[in-house]
Protein backbone atom coordinates (compact mmCIF):
# COMPACT_ATOMS: atom_id res chain seq x y z
CA UNK A 1 0.00 0.00 0.00
CA UNK A 2 2.83 2.38 0.85
CA UNK A 3 4.49 1.83 -2.51
CA UNK A 4 1.24 2.12 -4.47
CA UNK A 5 0.35 5.34 -2.66
CA UNK A 6 3.34 6.88 -4.44
CA UNK A 7 3.59 4.92 -7.69
CA UNK A 8 0.60 3.28 -9.36
CA UNK A 9 0.54 -0.33 -10.50
CA UNK A 10 0.29 0.91 -14.09
CA UNK A 11 3.45 2.98 -13.65
CA UNK A 12 5.31 0.00 -12.18
CA UNK A 13 4.35 -2.60 -14.77
CA UNK A 14 7.20 -3.58 -17.06
CA UNK A 15 9.62 -0.99 -15.61
CA UNK A 16 13.15 -1.23 -14.23
CA UNK A 17 13.31 -0.42 -10.51
CA UNK A 18 16.29 0.67 -8.41
CA UNK A 19 15.77 0.42 -4.64
CA UNK A 20 18.43 2.45 -2.80
CA UNK A 21 18.63 1.42 0.85
CA UNK A 22 16.54 -1.71 0.39
CA UNK A 23 16.54 -2.59 4.11
CA UNK A 24 14.30 -5.60 4.64
CA UNK A 25 13.51 -5.85 0.93
CA UNK A 26 9.76 -5.37 1.42
CA UNK A 27 9.49 -2.39 -0.92
CA UNK A 28 11.29 -4.26 -3.70
CA UNK A 29 9.11 -7.31 -3.06
CA UNK A 30 6.03 -5.11 -3.42
CA UNK A 31 7.37 -3.73 -6.71
CA UNK A 32 8.10 -7.23 -8.02
CA UNK A 33 4.62 -8.41 -7.08
CA UNK A 34 3.17 -5.47 -8.97
CA UNK A 35 4.80 -6.33 -12.26
CA UNK A 36 8.15 -4.56 -12.61
CA UNK A 37 10.49 -6.01 -15.20
CA UNK A 38 13.61 -5.97 -13.04
CA UNK A 39 14.71 -4.84 -9.57
CA UNK A 40 18.20 -3.80 -8.52
CA UNK A 41 18.41 -3.58 -4.72
CA UNK A 42 21.32 -1.96 -2.92
CA UNK A 43 22.13 -1.13 0.67
CA UNK A 44 25.22 -0.04 2.57
CA UNK A 45 24.49 -2.36 5.52
CA UNK A 46 25.54 -6.01 4.93
CA UNK A 47 22.72 -7.29 7.18
CA UNK A 48 20.18 -5.42 5.06
CA UNK A 49 21.70 -6.86 1.88
CA UNK A 50 21.42 -10.41 3.21
CA UNK A 51 17.89 -9.79 4.52
CA UNK A 52 16.72 -8.36 1.20
CA UNK A 53 18.21 -11.35 -0.60
CA UNK A 54 16.52 -13.81 1.77
CA UNK A 55 13.12 -12.10 1.60
CA UNK A 56 13.12 -11.91 -2.20
CA UNK A 57 14.40 -15.48 -2.59
CA UNK A 58 11.59 -16.73 -0.35
CA UNK A 59 8.68 -14.60 -1.49
CA UNK A 60 9.19 -13.06 -4.92
CA UNK A 61 7.03 -14.63 -7.64
CA UNK A 62 9.73 -13.79 -10.19
CA UNK A 63 13.50 -13.99 -9.94
CA UNK A 64 14.46 -10.92 -11.98
CA UNK A 65 16.29 -9.10 -9.21
CA UNK A 66 19.86 -8.44 -8.11
CA UNK A 67 20.94 -7.55 -4.58
CA UNK A 68 24.34 -6.20 -3.58
CA UNK A 69 26.15 -3.81 -1.25
CA UNK A 70 26.63 -0.22 -2.40
CA UNK A 71 27.37 3.11 -0.73
CA UNK A 72 25.34 5.78 -2.52
CA UNK A 73 28.07 8.31 -1.69
CA UNK A 74 30.60 6.32 -3.75
CA UNK A 75 30.82 5.60 -7.48
CA UNK A 76 29.48 2.11 -8.28
CA UNK A 77 31.61 -0.59 -9.87
CA UNK A 78 28.93 -3.29 -10.16
CA UNK A 79 27.86 -3.60 -13.84
CA UNK A 80 24.20 -3.67 -12.75
CA UNK A 81 24.63 -0.09 -11.54
CA UNK A 82 27.67 1.37 -13.28
CA UNK A 83 26.61 3.62 -16.18
CA UNK A 84 23.01 2.41 -15.79
CA UNK A 85 19.74 4.33 -15.52
CA UNK A 86 16.29 3.14 -14.45
CA UNK A 87 12.63 3.86 -15.08
CA UNK A 88 12.02 4.18 -11.33
CA UNK A 89 14.53 5.12 -8.65
CA UNK A 90 13.12 4.61 -5.16
CA UNK A 91 14.61 5.41 -1.75
CA UNK A 92 12.30 5.52 1.25
CA UNK A 93 13.61 6.98 4.52
CA UNK A 94 17.27 6.32 3.73
CA UNK A 95 19.15 9.26 2.28
CA UNK A 96 18.76 11.41 5.42
CA UNK A 97 20.82 8.81 7.32
CA UNK A 98 23.92 8.93 5.11
CA UNK A 99 25.64 11.88 6.80
CA UNK A 100 25.63 13.77 3.50
CA UNK A 101 21.96 13.94 2.55
CA UNK A 102 22.12 16.40 -0.34
CA UNK A 103 25.05 14.58 -1.96
CA UNK A 104 23.16 11.31 -1.55
CA UNK A 105 20.01 12.74 -3.15
CA UNK A 106 22.06 14.16 -6.01
CA UNK A 107 23.85 10.84 -6.62
CA UNK A 108 20.64 8.83 -6.40
CA UNK A 109 18.78 11.08 -8.83
CA UNK A 110 21.40 10.50 -11.52
CA UNK A 111 20.19 6.91 -11.89
CA UNK A 112 16.79 8.07 -13.19
CA UNK A 113 16.20 7.91 -16.94
CA UNK A 114 14.85 10.95 -18.80
CA UNK A 115 11.11 10.76 -18.21
CA UNK A 116 11.72 8.40 -15.29
CA UNK A 117 10.41 8.58 -11.74
CA UNK A 118 12.47 9.51 -8.69
CA UNK A 119 10.58 8.70 -5.48
CA UNK A 120 12.09 9.51 -2.08
CA UNK A 121 11.04 9.99 1.53
CA UNK A 122 12.96 12.39 3.78
CA UNK A 123 12.53 13.58 7.33
CA UNK A 124 10.53 16.77 7.35
CA UNK A 125 12.35 19.65 9.05
CA UNK A 126 10.86 20.85 12.34
CA UNK A 127 11.95 23.40 14.97
CA UNK A 128 13.13 20.46 17.12
CA UNK A 129 15.48 18.94 14.54
CA UNK A 130 18.58 20.46 16.16
CA UNK A 131 17.68 18.86 19.48
CA UNK A 132 16.98 15.49 17.88
CA UNK A 133 20.26 15.50 16.00
CA UNK A 134 22.16 16.05 19.26
CA UNK A 135 20.08 13.40 21.05
CA UNK A 136 20.69 10.83 18.32
CA UNK A 137 24.42 11.48 18.33
CA UNK A 138 24.51 10.92 22.09
CA UNK A 139 22.18 7.90 22.06
CA UNK A 140 24.13 6.16 19.31
CA UNK A 141 27.39 6.60 21.24
CA UNK A 142 26.05 4.88 24.36
CA UNK A 143 26.27 1.17 25.20
CA UNK A 144 22.94 -0.65 24.97
CA UNK A 145 22.37 -0.77 28.73
CA UNK A 146 22.68 3.03 28.98
CA UNK A 147 20.01 3.60 26.31
CA UNK A 148 17.13 2.16 28.33
CA UNK A 149 16.39 5.35 30.30
CA UNK A 150 16.04 7.23 27.00
CA UNK A 151 13.74 4.54 25.58
CA UNK A 152 11.32 4.53 28.49
CA UNK A 153 11.41 8.26 29.13
CA UNK A 154 10.39 8.86 25.52
CA UNK A 155 7.71 6.15 25.65
CA UNK A 156 6.29 7.52 28.92
CA UNK A 157 6.16 11.07 27.58
CA UNK A 158 4.53 9.81 24.37
CA UNK A 159 1.85 7.95 26.33
CA UNK A 160 1.21 10.98 28.52
CA UNK A 161 0.71 13.09 25.40
CA UNK A 162 -1.82 10.54 24.13
CA UNK A 163 -3.73 10.81 27.40
CA UNK A 164 -3.74 14.61 27.23
CA UNK A 165 -5.22 14.29 23.74
CA UNK A 166 -7.84 11.89 25.18
CA UNK A 167 -6.49 8.96 23.20
CA UNK A 168 -5.90 5.46 24.53
CA UNK A 169 -2.11 4.80 24.64
CA UNK A 170 -2.56 1.12 25.53
CA UNK A 171 -4.69 0.47 22.45
CA UNK A 172 -2.27 2.54 20.33
CA UNK A 173 0.71 0.43 21.45
CA UNK A 174 -1.22 -2.84 21.18
CA UNK A 175 -2.22 -2.09 17.57
CA UNK A 176 1.16 -0.64 16.59
CA UNK A 177 2.61 -3.81 15.06
CA UNK A 178 -0.31 -4.14 12.68
CA UNK A 179 -0.07 -0.49 11.62
CA UNK A 180 3.71 -0.14 11.33
CA UNK A 181 5.03 -3.67 10.95
CA UNK A 182 7.15 -3.45 14.12
CA UNK A 183 6.67 -3.25 17.84
CA UNK A 184 6.23 0.18 19.38
CA UNK A 185 9.45 -0.01 21.42
CA UNK A 186 11.40 -1.17 18.36
CA UNK A 187 10.24 1.96 16.56
CA UNK A 188 11.12 4.10 19.60
CA UNK A 189 14.70 2.79 19.51
CA UNK A 190 14.82 3.21 15.75
CA UNK A 191 13.86 6.87 16.13
CA UNK A 192 16.08 7.68 19.10
CA UNK A 193 19.13 6.05 17.52
CA UNK A 194 18.72 7.06 13.88
CA UNK A 195 22.08 8.77 13.40
CA UNK A 196 23.40 10.33 11.15
CA UNK A 197 20.28 12.47 10.90
CA UNK A 198 19.31 15.28 8.55
CA UNK A 199 16.00 16.79 7.49
CA UNK A 200 14.64 19.15 4.86
CA UNK A 201 11.61 21.31 4.24
CA UNK A 202 9.45 20.43 1.24
CA UNK A 203 10.44 23.75 -0.35
CA UNK A 204 14.15 22.96 0.00
CA UNK A 205 13.67 19.51 -1.51
CA UNK A 206 11.56 20.69 -4.44
CA UNK A 207 13.97 23.53 -5.24
CA UNK A 208 16.95 21.18 -5.05
CA UNK A 209 15.37 18.74 -7.48
CA UNK A 210 14.11 21.45 -9.82
CA UNK A 211 17.68 22.69 -10.21
CA UNK A 212 18.59 19.17 -11.39
CA UNK A 213 15.92 18.97 -14.03
CA UNK A 214 13.16 17.23 -12.10
CA UNK A 215 9.50 18.19 -11.91
CA UNK A 216 7.52 17.61 -8.72
CA UNK A 217 4.60 15.32 -9.61
CA UNK A 218 2.97 14.38 -6.31
CA UNK A 219 3.67 13.90 -2.64
CA UNK A 220 2.43 12.86 0.79
CA UNK A 221 2.92 15.08 3.85
CA UNK A 222 4.60 17.75 1.72
CA UNK A 223 2.51 20.63 3.09
CA UNK A 224 4.22 23.26 5.30
CA UNK A 225 5.28 21.95 8.70
CA UNK A 226 2.78 22.23 11.54
CA UNK A 227 3.87 21.78 15.12
CA UNK A 228 7.28 21.78 16.78
CA UNK A 229 8.20 18.13 16.17
CA UNK A 230 8.39 17.42 19.89
CA UNK A 231 8.22 13.65 19.39
CA UNK A 232 10.06 13.59 16.09
CA UNK A 233 9.71 14.43 12.43
CA UNK A 234 7.70 12.25 10.11
CA UNK A 235 8.75 11.67 6.53
CA UNK A 236 7.61 13.74 3.60
CA UNK A 237 7.25 11.59 0.49
CA UNK A 238 8.02 12.97 -2.96
CA UNK A 239 7.57 11.79 -6.53
CA UNK A 240 9.60 13.66 -9.14
CA UNK A 241 9.88 13.11 -12.87
CA UNK A 242 13.09 13.72 -14.78
CA UNK A 243 12.72 16.14 -17.69
């Protein structure tokens, strides 16, 4: 559903698909199940590469995919990527964790064919982003045992906020796995420890891509920021087309 909210089944069918930061491989699996001609899946993390490979080997109805390790900040040497372009270049919630977000976006966009789609999700900039960057740097430097106070302080504050808003935090946490595909506390740790961390306003992102010959086609959560981002910054999702 997340993939098809950005790119329709008709747009996927018969197309080449590059997944940058494939993670678990679920987005590539969704693309394969919706009729793409070929998927190339890359990630910097070896565990993500092996997980993507395992998930696609077990669940893909077609075997037209390649999975390998690649740093988007470095020039590729794999023939599946070197001097290649794709109908769809897709990177969800990845490029803001590279430590050089704008360079990563620029490099990733170069793999899109003329007329092709470039779909990305980036953290949306909030007034609290400076605080969160400092928190993530600290959290990521700590041993696991020292992170627990951060985990449960955040979770407690989050639940209190739900109560203030007259929402049921117990039901929210109980249903979280079904909604997000992970346990609530797993997502808490993912947020608190997501470093390197960068963010961008929708205006910054659109202007950056326009300067590189891309037209903004559609998006999700790309309206001006509302709120301070006290509990974090959600992702804005963008679909651009290369002129």
